[in-house]
PDB file of N, CA and C in Angstrom:
ATOM      1  N   MET A   1     -51.663  32.639  47.005  1.00  0.00           N
ATOM      2  CA  MET A   1     -52.706  33.263  47.874  1.00  0.00           C
ATOM      3  C   MET A   1     -52.309  32.887  49.292  1.00  0.00           C
ATOM      4  N   MET A   2     -52.270  33.951  50.238  1.00  0.00           N
ATOM      5  CA  MET A   2     -52.048  33.560  51.588  1.00  0.00           C
ATOM      6  C   MET A   2     -53.258  33.196  52.242  1.00  0.00           C
ATOM      7  N   CYS A   3     -53.204  32.428  53.276  1.00  0.00           N
ATOM      8  CA  CYS A   3     -54.288  31.812  54.033  1.00  0.00           C
ATOM      9  C   CYS A   3     -55.175  32.983  54.498  1.00  0.00           C
ATOM     10  N   GLY A   4     -56.446  33.019  54.160  1.00  0.00           N
ATOM     11  CA  GLY A   4     -57.401  34.049  54.428  1.00  0.00           C
ATOM     12  C   GLY A   4     -57.331  35.333  53.562  1.00  0.00           C
ATOM     13  N   GLY A   5     -56.345  35.398  52.702  1.00  0.00           N
ATOM     14  CA  GLY A   5     -56.248  36.546  51.822  1.00  0.00           C
ATOM     15  C   GLY A   5     -56.924  36.250  50.408  1.00  0.00           C
ATOM     16  N   THR A   6     -56.707  37.255  49.612  1.00  0.00           N
ATOM     17  CA  THR A   6     -57.377  37.107  48.253  1.00  0.00           C
ATOM     18  C   THR A   6     -56.310  36.514  47.313  1.00  0.00           C
ATOM     19  N   GLY A   7     -56.827  35.896  46.181  1.00  0.00           N
ATOM     20  CA  GLY A   7     -55.943  35.530  45.245  1.00  0.00           C
ATOM     21  C   GLY A   7     -55.534  36.675  44.282  1.00  0.00           C
ATOM     22  N   ALA A   8     -54.720  36.355  43.287  1.00  0.00           N
ATOM     23  CA  ALA A   8     -54.311  37.383  42.372  1.00  0.00           C
ATOM     24  C   ALA A   8     -55.570  37.805  41.491  1.00  0.00           C
ATOM     25  N   SER A   9     -55.539  38.985  40.975  1.00  0.00           N
ATOM     26  CA  SER A   9     -56.478  39.571  40.063  1.00  0.00           C
ATOM     27  C   SER A   9     -56.510  38.641  38.738  1.00  0.00           C
ATOM     28  N   GLN A  10     -57.727  38.361  38.296  1.00  0.00           N
ATOM     29  CA  GLN A  10     -57.857  37.600  37.041  1.00  0.00           C
ATOM     30  C   GLN A  10     -58.880  38.266  36.195  1.00  0.00           C
ATOM     31  N   PRO A  11     -58.788  38.118  34.870  1.00  0.00           N
ATOM     32  CA  PRO A  11     -59.786  38.615  34.033  1.00  0.00           C
ATOM     33  C   PRO A  11     -61.081  37.855  34.222  1.00  0.00           C
ATOM     34  N   ALA A  12     -62.122  38.559  34.156  1.00  0.00           N
ATOM     35  CA  ALA A  12     -63.591  37.978  34.286  1.00  0.00           C
ATOM     36  C   ALA A  12     -63.724  36.841  33.258  1.00  0.00           C
ATOM     37  N   ASP A  13     -64.252  35.761  33.871  1.00  0.00           N
ATOM     38  CA  ASP A  13     -64.459  34.520  33.058  1.00  0.00           C
ATOM     39  C   ASP A  13     -65.975  34.281  33.094  1.00  0.00           C
ATOM     40  N   ALA A  14     -66.347  33.141  32.520  1.00  0.00           N
ATOM     41  CA  ALA A  14     -67.791  32.823  32.272  1.00  0.00           C
ATOM     42  C   ALA A  14     -68.444  32.638  33.619  1.00  0.00           C
ATOM     43  N   VAL A  15     -67.759  32.154  34.647  1.00  0.00           N
ATOM     44  CA  VAL A  15     -68.262  32.007  36.013  1.00  0.00           C
ATOM     45  C   VAL A  15     -68.702  33.286  36.635  1.00  0.00           C
ATOM     46  N   VAL A  16     -67.740  34.251  36.456  1.00  0.00           N
ATOM     47  CA  VAL A  16     -67.959  35.649  37.123  1.00  0.00           C
ATOM     48  C   VAL A  16     -69.057  36.320  36.324  1.00  0.00           C
ATOM     49  N   GLN A  17     -69.095  36.110  35.001  1.00  0.00           N
ATOM     50  CA  GLN A  17     -70.213  36.749  34.206  1.00  0.00           C
ATOM     51  C   GLN A  17     -71.495  36.227  34.687  1.00  0.00           C
ATOM     52  N   GLU A  18     -71.643  34.904  34.887  1.00  0.00           N
ATOM     53  CA  GLU A  18     -72.825  34.440  35.346  1.00  0.00           C
ATOM     54  C   GLU A  18     -73.246  34.941  36.824  1.00  0.00           C
ATOM     55  N   ILE A  19     -72.297  35.022  37.667  1.00  0.00           N
ATOM     56  CA  ILE A  19     -72.584  35.660  39.044  1.00  0.00           C
ATOM     57  C   ILE A  19     -73.039  36.951  38.803  1.00  0.00           C
ATOM     58  N   CYS A  20     -72.457  37.857  38.020  1.00  0.00           N
ATOM     59  CA  CYS A  20     -72.946  39.233  37.854  1.00  0.00           C
ATOM     60  C   CYS A  20     -74.329  39.211  37.335  1.00  0.00           C
ATOM     61  N   GLN A  21     -74.665  38.351  36.371  1.00  0.00           N
ATOM     62  CA  GLN A  21     -76.061  38.257  35.903  1.00  0.00           C
ATOM     63  C   GLN A  21     -77.041  37.975  37.067  1.00  0.00           C
ATOM     64  N   LYS A  22     -76.632  37.111  37.898  1.00  0.00           N
ATOM     65  CA  LYS A  22     -77.571  36.637  38.997  1.00  0.00           C
ATOM     66  C   LYS A  22     -77.660  37.680  40.086  1.00  0.00           C
ATOM     67  N   ILE A  23     -76.739  38.428  40.364  1.00  0.00           N
ATOM     68  CA  ILE A  23     -76.785  39.386  41.497  1.00  0.00           C
ATOM     69  C   ILE A  23     -77.107  40.857  41.007  1.00  0.00           C
ATOM     70  N   ARG A  24     -77.383  41.060  39.752  1.00  0.00           N
ATOM     71  CA  ARG A  24     -77.642  42.323  39.016  1.00  0.00           C
ATOM     72  C   ARG A  24     -78.872  42.907  39.789  1.00  0.00           C
ATOM     73  N   ASP A  25     -79.912  42.272  40.006  1.00  0.00           N
ATOM     74  CA  ASP A  25     -81.115  42.796  40.613  1.00  0.00           C
ATOM     75  C   ASP A  25     -80.848  43.178  42.106  1.00  0.00           C
ATOM     76  N   GLN A  26     -80.019  42.362  42.863  1.00  0.00           N
ATOM     77  CA  GLN A  26     -79.631  42.661  44.241  1.00  0.00           C
ATOM     78  C   GLN A  26     -78.988  44.004  44.199  1.00  0.00           C
ATOM     79  N   PHE A  27     -77.997  44.198  43.240  1.00  0.00           N
ATOM     80  CA  PHE A  27     -77.217  45.384  43.115  1.00  0.00           C
ATOM     81  C   PHE A  27     -78.207  46.661  42.943  1.00  0.00           C
ATOM     82  N   ILE A  28     -79.006  46.514  41.981  1.00  0.00           N
ATOM     83  CA  ILE A  28     -79.891  47.604  41.687  1.00  0.00           C
ATOM     84  C   ILE A  28     -80.781  47.922  42.894  1.00  0.00           C
ATOM     85  N   GLU A  29     -81.284  46.958  43.558  1.00  0.00           N
ATOM     86  CA  GLU A  29     -82.185  47.244  44.732  1.00  0.00           C
ATOM     87  C   GLU A  29     -81.408  47.903  45.796  1.00  0.00           C
ATOM     88  N   LYS A  30     -80.228  47.359  46.154  1.00  0.00           N
ATOM     89  CA  LYS A  30     -79.413  47.836  47.229  1.00  0.00           C
ATOM     90  C   LYS A  30     -78.849  49.277  47.019  1.00  0.00           C
ATOM     91  N   SER A  31     -78.314  49.581  45.729  1.00  0.00           N
ATOM     92  CA  SER A  31     -77.612  50.688  45.359  1.00  0.00           C
ATOM     93  C   SER A  31     -78.575  51.853  44.884  1.00  0.00           C
ATOM     94  N   GLY A  32     -79.762  51.383  44.278  1.00  0.00           N
ATOM     95  CA  GLY A  32     -80.672  52.430  43.722  1.00  0.00           C
ATOM     96  C   GLY A  32     -80.113  52.903  42.368  1.00  0.00           C
ATOM     97  N   LEU A  33     -79.127  52.344  41.867  1.00  0.00           N
ATOM     98  CA  LEU A  33     -78.436  52.790  40.668  1.00  0.00           C
ATOM     99  C   LEU A  33     -78.904  51.693  39.564  1.00  0.00           C
ATOM    100  N   ASN A  34     -79.700  52.112  38.616  1.00  0.00           N
ATOM    101  CA  ASN A  34     -80.244  51.187  37.530  1.00  0.00           C
ATOM    102  C   ASN A  34     -79.339  51.559  36.280  1.00  0.00           C
ATOM    103  N   THR A  35     -78.468  50.620  35.933  1.00  0.00           N
ATOM    104  CA  THR A  35     -77.690  50.810  34.779  1.00  0.00           C
ATOM    105  C   THR A  35     -77.795  49.629  33.771  1.00  0.00           C
ATOM    106  N   ASP A  36     -77.899  50.057  32.494  1.00  0.00           N
ATOM    107  CA  ASP A  36     -78.017  49.062  31.491  1.00  0.00           C
ATOM    108  C   ASP A  36     -76.724  48.160  31.227  1.00  0.00           C
ATOM    109  N   LEU A  37     -75.603  48.829  31.558  1.00  0.00           N
ATOM    110  CA  LEU A  37     -74.339  48.238  31.412  1.00  0.00           C
ATOM    111  C   LEU A  37     -73.903  47.745  32.745  1.00  0.00           C
ATOM    112  N   PHE A  38     -73.551  46.363  32.809  1.00  0.00           N
ATOM    113  CA  PHE A  38     -73.097  45.756  34.106  1.00  0.00           C
ATOM    114  C   PHE A  38     -72.165  44.566  33.685  1.00  0.00           C
ATOM    115  N   VAL A  39     -70.990  44.881  33.273  1.00  0.00           N
ATOM    116  CA  VAL A  39     -70.062  43.939  32.726  1.00  0.00           C
ATOM    117  C   VAL A  39     -68.808  43.672  33.565  1.00  0.00           C
ATOM    118  N   PRO A  40     -68.603  42.512  34.137  1.00  0.00           N
ATOM    119  CA  PRO A  40     -67.488  42.205  34.792  1.00  0.00           C
ATOM    120  C   PRO A  40     -66.152  42.399  34.056  1.00  0.00           C
ATOM    121  N   ILE A  41     -65.141  42.989  34.733  1.00  0.00           N
ATOM    122  CA  ILE A  41     -63.855  43.156  34.061  1.00  0.00           C
ATOM    123  C   ILE A  41     -62.807  42.226  34.670  1.00  0.00           C
ATOM    124  N   SER A  42     -62.768  42.271  35.956  1.00  0.00           N
ATOM    125  CA  SER A  42     -61.764  41.413  36.656  1.00  0.00           C
ATOM    126  C   SER A  42     -62.286  40.986  38.008  1.00  0.00           C
ATOM    127  N   TYR A  43     -61.604  40.091  38.626  1.00  0.00           N
ATOM    128  CA  TYR A  43     -61.991  39.642  40.021  1.00  0.00           C
ATOM    129  C   TYR A  43     -60.846  39.012  40.715  1.00  0.00           C
ATOM    130  N   LYS A  44     -61.135  38.874  42.045  1.00  0.00           N
ATOM    131  CA  LYS A  44     -60.233  38.121  42.992  1.00  0.00           C
ATOM    132  C   LYS A  44     -61.134  37.218  43.759  1.00  0.00           C
ATOM    133  N   THR A  45     -60.609  36.242  44.347  1.00  0.00           N
ATOM    134  CA  THR A  45     -61.357  35.340  45.222  1.00  0.00           C
ATOM    135  C   THR A  45     -60.737  35.212  46.669  1.00  0.00           C
ATOM    136  N   GLN A  46     -61.478  34.784  47.565  1.00  0.00           N
ATOM    137  CA  GLN A  46     -61.114  34.578  49.004  1.00  0.00           C
ATOM    138  C   GLN A  46     -61.889  33.350  49.353  1.00  0.00           C
ATOM    139  N   GLN A  47     -61.149  32.242  49.742  1.00  0.00           N
ATOM    140  CA  GLN A  47     -61.825  31.069  50.349  1.00  0.00           C
ATOM    141  C   GLN A  47     -62.162  31.290  51.787  1.00  0.00           C
ATOM    142  N   VAL A  48     -63.403  31.129  52.054  1.00  0.00           N
ATOM    143  CA  VAL A  48     -63.882  31.161  53.509  1.00  0.00           C
ATOM    144  C   VAL A  48     -64.844  29.930  53.538  1.00  0.00           C
ATOM    145  N   ALA A  49     -65.803  29.859  54.369  1.00  0.00           N
ATOM    146  CA  ALA A  49     -66.782  28.868  54.431  1.00  0.00           C
ATOM    147  C   ALA A  49     -67.772  29.107  53.201  1.00  0.00           C
ATOM    148  N   GLY A  50     -67.160  28.965  52.015  1.00  0.00           N
ATOM    149  CA  GLY A  50     -67.726  29.322  50.784  1.00  0.00           C
ATOM    150  C   GLY A  50     -66.654  30.250  50.070  1.00  0.00           C
ATOM    151  N   THR A  51     -67.152  31.025  49.203  1.00  0.00           N
ATOM    152  CA  THR A  51     -66.150  31.827  48.444  1.00  0.00           C
ATOM    153  C   THR A  51     -66.634  33.340  48.314  1.00  0.00           C
ATOM    154  N   ASN A  52     -65.771  34.266  48.655  1.00  0.00           N
ATOM    155  CA  ASN A  52     -65.914  35.624  48.429  1.00  0.00           C
ATOM    156  C   ASN A  52     -65.416  35.973  47.075  1.00  0.00           C
ATOM    157  N   PHE A  53     -66.164  36.658  46.179  1.00  0.00           N
ATOM    158  CA  PHE A  53     -65.749  37.187  44.987  1.00  0.00           C
ATOM    159  C   PHE A  53     -65.656  38.641  45.050  1.00  0.00           C
ATOM    160  N   PHE A  54     -64.532  39.210  44.785  1.00  0.00           N
ATOM    161  CA  PHE A  54     -64.336  40.669  44.684  1.00  0.00           C
ATOM    162  C   PHE A  54     -64.302  40.935  43.186  1.00  0.00           C
ATOM    163  N   ILE A  55     -65.385  41.652  42.643  1.00  0.00           N
ATOM    164  CA  ILE A  55     -65.478  41.780  41.199  1.00  0.00           C
ATOM    165  C   ILE A  55     -65.522  43.267  40.898  1.00  0.00           C
ATOM    166  N   LYS A  56     -64.767  43.621  39.844  1.00  0.00           N
ATOM    167  CA  LYS A  56     -64.807  44.949  39.222  1.00  0.00           C
ATOM    168  C   LYS A  56     -65.754  44.842  38.024  1.00  0.00           C
ATOM    169  N   ALA A  57     -66.854  45.641  38.043  1.00  0.00           N
ATOM    170  CA  ALA A  57     -67.838  45.578  36.946  1.00  0.00           C
ATOM    171  C   ALA A  57     -67.838  47.089  36.249  1.00  0.00           C
ATOM    172  N   HIS A  58     -67.825  47.089  34.952  1.00  0.00           N
ATOM    173  CA  HIS A  58     -68.065  48.338  34.199  1.00  0.00           C
ATOM    174  C   HIS A  58     -69.501  48.668  34.074  1.00  0.00           C
ATOM    175  N   ILE A  59     -69.793  49.898  34.382  1.00  0.00           N
ATOM    176  CA  ILE A  59     -71.236  50.322  34.312  1.00  0.00           C
ATOM    177  C   ILE A  59     -71.497  51.535  33.329  1.00  0.00           C
ATOM    178  N   GLY A  60     -70.370  51.862  32.535  1.00  0.00           N
ATOM    179  CA  GLY A  60     -70.604  52.863  31.567  1.00  0.00           C
ATOM    180  C   GLY A  60     -69.547  53.917  31.663  1.00  0.00           C
ATOM    181  N   ASP A  61     -69.190  54.717  30.597  1.00  0.00           N
ATOM    182  CA  ASP A  61     -68.163  55.719  30.584  1.00  0.00           C
ATOM    183  C   ASP A  61     -66.773  55.141  31.157  1.00  0.00           C
ATOM    184  N   ASN A  62     -66.256  55.845  32.046  1.00  0.00           N
ATOM    185  CA  ASN A  62     -65.014  55.406  32.825  1.00  0.00           C
ATOM    186  C   ASN A  62     -65.507  54.861  34.270  1.00  0.00           C
ATOM    187  N   LYS A  63     -66.698  54.535  34.415  1.00  0.00           N
ATOM    188  CA  LYS A  63     -67.179  54.285  35.715  1.00  0.00           C
ATOM    189  C   LYS A  63     -67.271  52.669  35.976  1.00  0.00           C
ATOM    190  N   CYS A  64     -66.849  52.321  37.213  1.00  0.00           N
ATOM    191  CA  CYS A  64     -67.008  50.894  37.612  1.00  0.00           C
ATOM    192  C   CYS A  64     -67.531  50.944  39.092  1.00  0.00           C
ATOM    193  N   VAL A  65     -67.968  49.726  39.385  1.00  0.00           N
ATOM    194  CA  VAL A  65     -68.324  49.361  40.763  1.00  0.00           C
ATOM    195  C   VAL A  65     -67.519  48.123  41.235  1.00  0.00           C
ATOM    196  N   HIS A  66     -67.262  48.192  42.514  1.00  0.00           N
ATOM    197  CA  HIS A  66     -66.634  46.974  43.058  1.00  0.00           C
ATOM    198  C   HIS A  66     -67.618  46.266  43.858  1.00  0.00           C
ATOM    199  N   LEU A  67     -67.628  44.885  43.683  1.00  0.00           N
ATOM    200  CA  LEU A  67     -68.725  44.166  44.284  1.00  0.00           C
ATOM    201  C   LEU A  67     -68.047  43.065  45.156  1.00  0.00           C
ATOM    202  N   ARG A  68     -68.651  42.775  46.335  1.00  0.00           N
ATOM    203  CA  ARG A  68     -68.195  41.600  47.153  1.00  0.00           C
ATOM    204  C   ARG A  68     -69.455  40.698  47.098  1.00  0.00           C
ATOM    205  N   VAL A  69     -69.306  39.577  46.508  1.00  0.00           N
ATOM    206  CA  VAL A  69     -70.347  38.575  46.411  1.00  0.00           C
ATOM    207  C   VAL A  69     -69.941  37.279  47.111  1.00  0.00           C
ATOM    208  N   TYR A  70     -70.779  36.776  47.896  1.00  0.00           N
ATOM    209  CA  TYR A  70     -70.546  35.574  48.672  1.00  0.00           C
ATOM    210  C   TYR A  70     -71.213  34.412  47.983  1.00  0.00           C
ATOM    211  N   ARG A  71     -70.532  33.383  47.598  1.00  0.00           N
ATOM    212  CA  ARG A  71     -71.142  32.151  47.119  1.00  0.00           C
ATOM    213  C   ARG A  71     -71.078  31.161  48.174  1.00  0.00           C
ATOM    214  N   MET A  72     -72.170  30.670  48.583  1.00  0.00           N
ATOM    215  CA  MET A  72     -72.230  29.753  49.705  1.00  0.00           C
ATOM    216  C   MET A  72     -71.911  28.352  49.215  1.00  0.00           C
ATOM    217  N   LEU A  73     -71.601  27.438  50.178  1.00  0.00           N
ATOM    218  CA  LEU A  73     -71.283  26.026  49.957  1.00  0.00           C
ATOM    219  C   LEU A  73     -72.493  25.479  49.238  1.00  0.00           C
ATOM    220  N   PRO A  74     -72.177  24.331  48.399  1.00  0.00           N
ATOM    221  CA  PRO A  74     -73.379  23.747  47.659  1.00  0.00           C
ATOM    222  C   PRO A  74     -74.577  23.301  48.444  1.00  0.00           C
ATOM    223  N   HIS A  75     -74.326  22.851  49.620  1.00  0.00           N
ATOM    224  CA  HIS A  75     -75.402  22.282  50.373  1.00  0.00           C
ATOM    225  C   HIS A  75     -76.299  23.365  51.015  1.00  0.00           C
ATOM    226  N   GLN A  76     -75.990  24.629  50.950  1.00  0.00           N
ATOM    227  CA  GLN A  76     -76.777  25.679  51.585  1.00  0.00           C
ATOM    228  C   GLN A  76     -77.888  26.134  50.551  1.00  0.00           C
ATOM    229  N   GLN A  77     -78.887  26.582  50.969  1.00  0.00           N
ATOM    230  CA  GLN A  77     -80.060  26.951  50.069  1.00  0.00           C
ATOM    231  C   GLN A  77     -79.780  28.095  49.132  1.00  0.00           C
ATOM    232  N   GLU A  78     -79.379  29.189  49.733  1.00  0.00           N
ATOM    233  CA  GLU A  78     -79.227  30.496  48.952  1.00  0.00           C
ATOM    234  C   GLU A  78     -77.743  30.392  48.239  1.00  0.00           C
ATOM    235  N   ALA A  79     -77.698  30.497  47.027  1.00  0.00           N
ATOM    236  CA  ALA A  79     -76.381  30.359  46.239  1.00  0.00           C
ATOM    237  C   ALA A  79     -75.546  31.471  46.280  1.00  0.00           C
ATOM    238  N   LEU A  80     -76.027  32.755  46.016  1.00  0.00           N
ATOM    239  CA  LEU A  80     -75.274  33.953  45.940  1.00  0.00           C
ATOM    240  C   LEU A  80     -75.849  35.112  46.751  1.00  0.00           C
ATOM    241  N   ARG A  81     -75.003  35.909  47.342  1.00  0.00           N
ATOM    242  CA  ARG A  81     -75.366  37.069  48.123  1.00  0.00           C
ATOM    243  C   ARG A  81     -74.482  38.249  47.812  1.00  0.00           C
ATOM    244  N   LEU A  82     -75.029  39.390  47.478  1.00  0.00           N
ATOM    245  CA  LEU A  82     -74.241  40.596  47.346  1.00  0.00           C
ATOM    246  C   LEU A  82     -74.116  41.142  48.679  1.00  0.00           C
ATOM    247  N   ASP A  83     -72.879  41.087  49.335  1.00  0.00           N
ATOM    248  CA  ASP A  83     -72.587  41.552  50.642  1.00  0.00           C
ATOM    249  C   ASP A  83     -72.295  43.075  50.675  1.00  0.00           C
ATOM    250  N   LYS A  84     -71.469  43.540  49.777  1.00  0.00           N
ATOM    251  CA  LYS A  84     -71.026  44.975  49.793  1.00  0.00           C
ATOM    252  C   LYS A  84     -70.724  45.411  48.313  1.00  0.00           C
ATOM    253  N   PHE A  85     -70.730  46.723  48.287  1.00  0.00           N
ATOM    254  CA  PHE A  85     -70.323  47.325  46.986  1.00  0.00           C
ATOM    255  C   PHE A  85     -69.738  48.656  47.154  1.00  0.00           C
ATOM    256  N   LEU A  86     -68.933  49.077  46.246  1.00  0.00           N
ATOM    257  CA  LEU A  86     -68.368  50.439  46.360  1.00  0.00           C
ATOM    258  C   LEU A  86     -68.581  51.058  44.978  1.00  0.00           C
ATOM    259  N   LEU A  87     -69.178  52.259  45.049  1.00  0.00           N
ATOM    260  CA  LEU A  87     -69.538  52.990  43.825  1.00  0.00           C
ATOM    261  C   LEU A  87     -68.326  53.938  43.422  1.00  0.00           C
ATOM    262  N   ASP A  88     -68.518  54.635  42.377  1.00  0.00           N
ATOM    263  CA  ASP A  88     -67.523  55.679  41.857  1.00  0.00           C
ATOM    264  C   ASP A  88     -66.155  55.190  41.763  1.00  0.00           C
ATOM    265  N   LYS A  89     -65.989  54.110  41.241  1.00  0.00           N
ATOM    266  CA  LYS A  89     -64.585  53.542  40.981  1.00  0.00           C
ATOM    267  C   LYS A  89     -64.277  53.705  39.442  1.00  0.00           C
ATOM    268  N   THR A  90     -63.093  53.794  39.117  1.00  0.00           N
ATOM    269  CA  THR A  90     -62.650  54.013  37.784  1.00  0.00           C
ATOM    270  C   THR A  90     -62.136  52.751  37.043  1.00  0.00           C
ATOM    271  N   MET A  91     -61.996  52.669  35.823  1.00  0.00           N
ATOM    272  CA  MET A  91     -61.464  51.554  35.116  1.00  0.00           C
ATOM    273  C   MET A  91     -60.037  51.129  35.601  1.00  0.00           C
ATOM    274  N   GLU A  92     -59.339  52.211  36.061  1.00  0.00           N
ATOM    275  CA  GLU A  92     -57.911  51.941  36.375  1.00  0.00           C
ATOM    276  C   GLU A  92     -57.748  51.414  37.838  1.00  0.00           C
ATOM    277  N   GLU A  93     -58.717  51.602  38.610  1.00  0.00           N
ATOM    278  CA  GLU A  93     -58.623  51.112  40.073  1.00  0.00           C
ATOM    279  C   GLU A  93     -58.767  49.624  40.113  1.00  0.00           C
ATOM    280  N   GLU A  94     -57.798  49.044  40.747  1.00  0.00           N
ATOM    281  CA  GLU A  94     -57.747  47.611  40.948  1.00  0.00           C
ATOM    282  C   GLU A  94     -58.790  47.230  42.190  1.00  0.00           C
ATOM    283  N   VAL A  95     -59.451  46.212  41.981  1.00  0.00           N
ATOM    284  CA  VAL A  95     -60.388  45.672  42.975  1.00  0.00           C
ATOM    285  C   VAL A  95     -59.516  45.136  44.084  1.00  0.00           C
ATOM    286  N   VAL A  96     -59.794  45.438  45.390  1.00  0.00           N
ATOM    287  CA  VAL A  96     -59.198  45.001  46.525  1.00  0.00           C
ATOM    288  C   VAL A  96     -60.116  44.432  47.574  1.00  0.00           C
ATOM    289  N   TYR A  97     -59.580  43.831  48.586  1.00  0.00           N
ATOM    290  CA  TYR A  97     -60.478  43.415  49.722  1.00  0.00           C
ATOM    291  C   TYR A  97     -61.197  44.635  50.328  1.00  0.00           C
ATOM    292  N   PHE A  98     -62.440  44.429  50.479  1.00  0.00           N
ATOM    293  CA  PHE A  98     -63.211  45.451  51.328  1.00  0.00           C
ATOM    294  C   PHE A  98     -64.347  44.778  52.076  1.00  0.00           C
TER     295      PHE A  98
END
């Protein structure tokens, strides 16, 4: 990973699954899209003053969303924040910095 860039794409693990569970309500509120399926597929990270997670999540059929979730440093009060998302992505599209 280059300084300030994102790391390589990795398959979703237990940490990313937990992040998606915790920010699901934020996603529904901000996007207006209520989906029963919200399963992380892959992710990349970027180290900042905390960590940005760029997550590809499957929401049904061949549809995905890309999420940018900020995990704050441990001493900060709010743990996770959904900063941005991209709708209308496919299973084939790789998640990238946005």
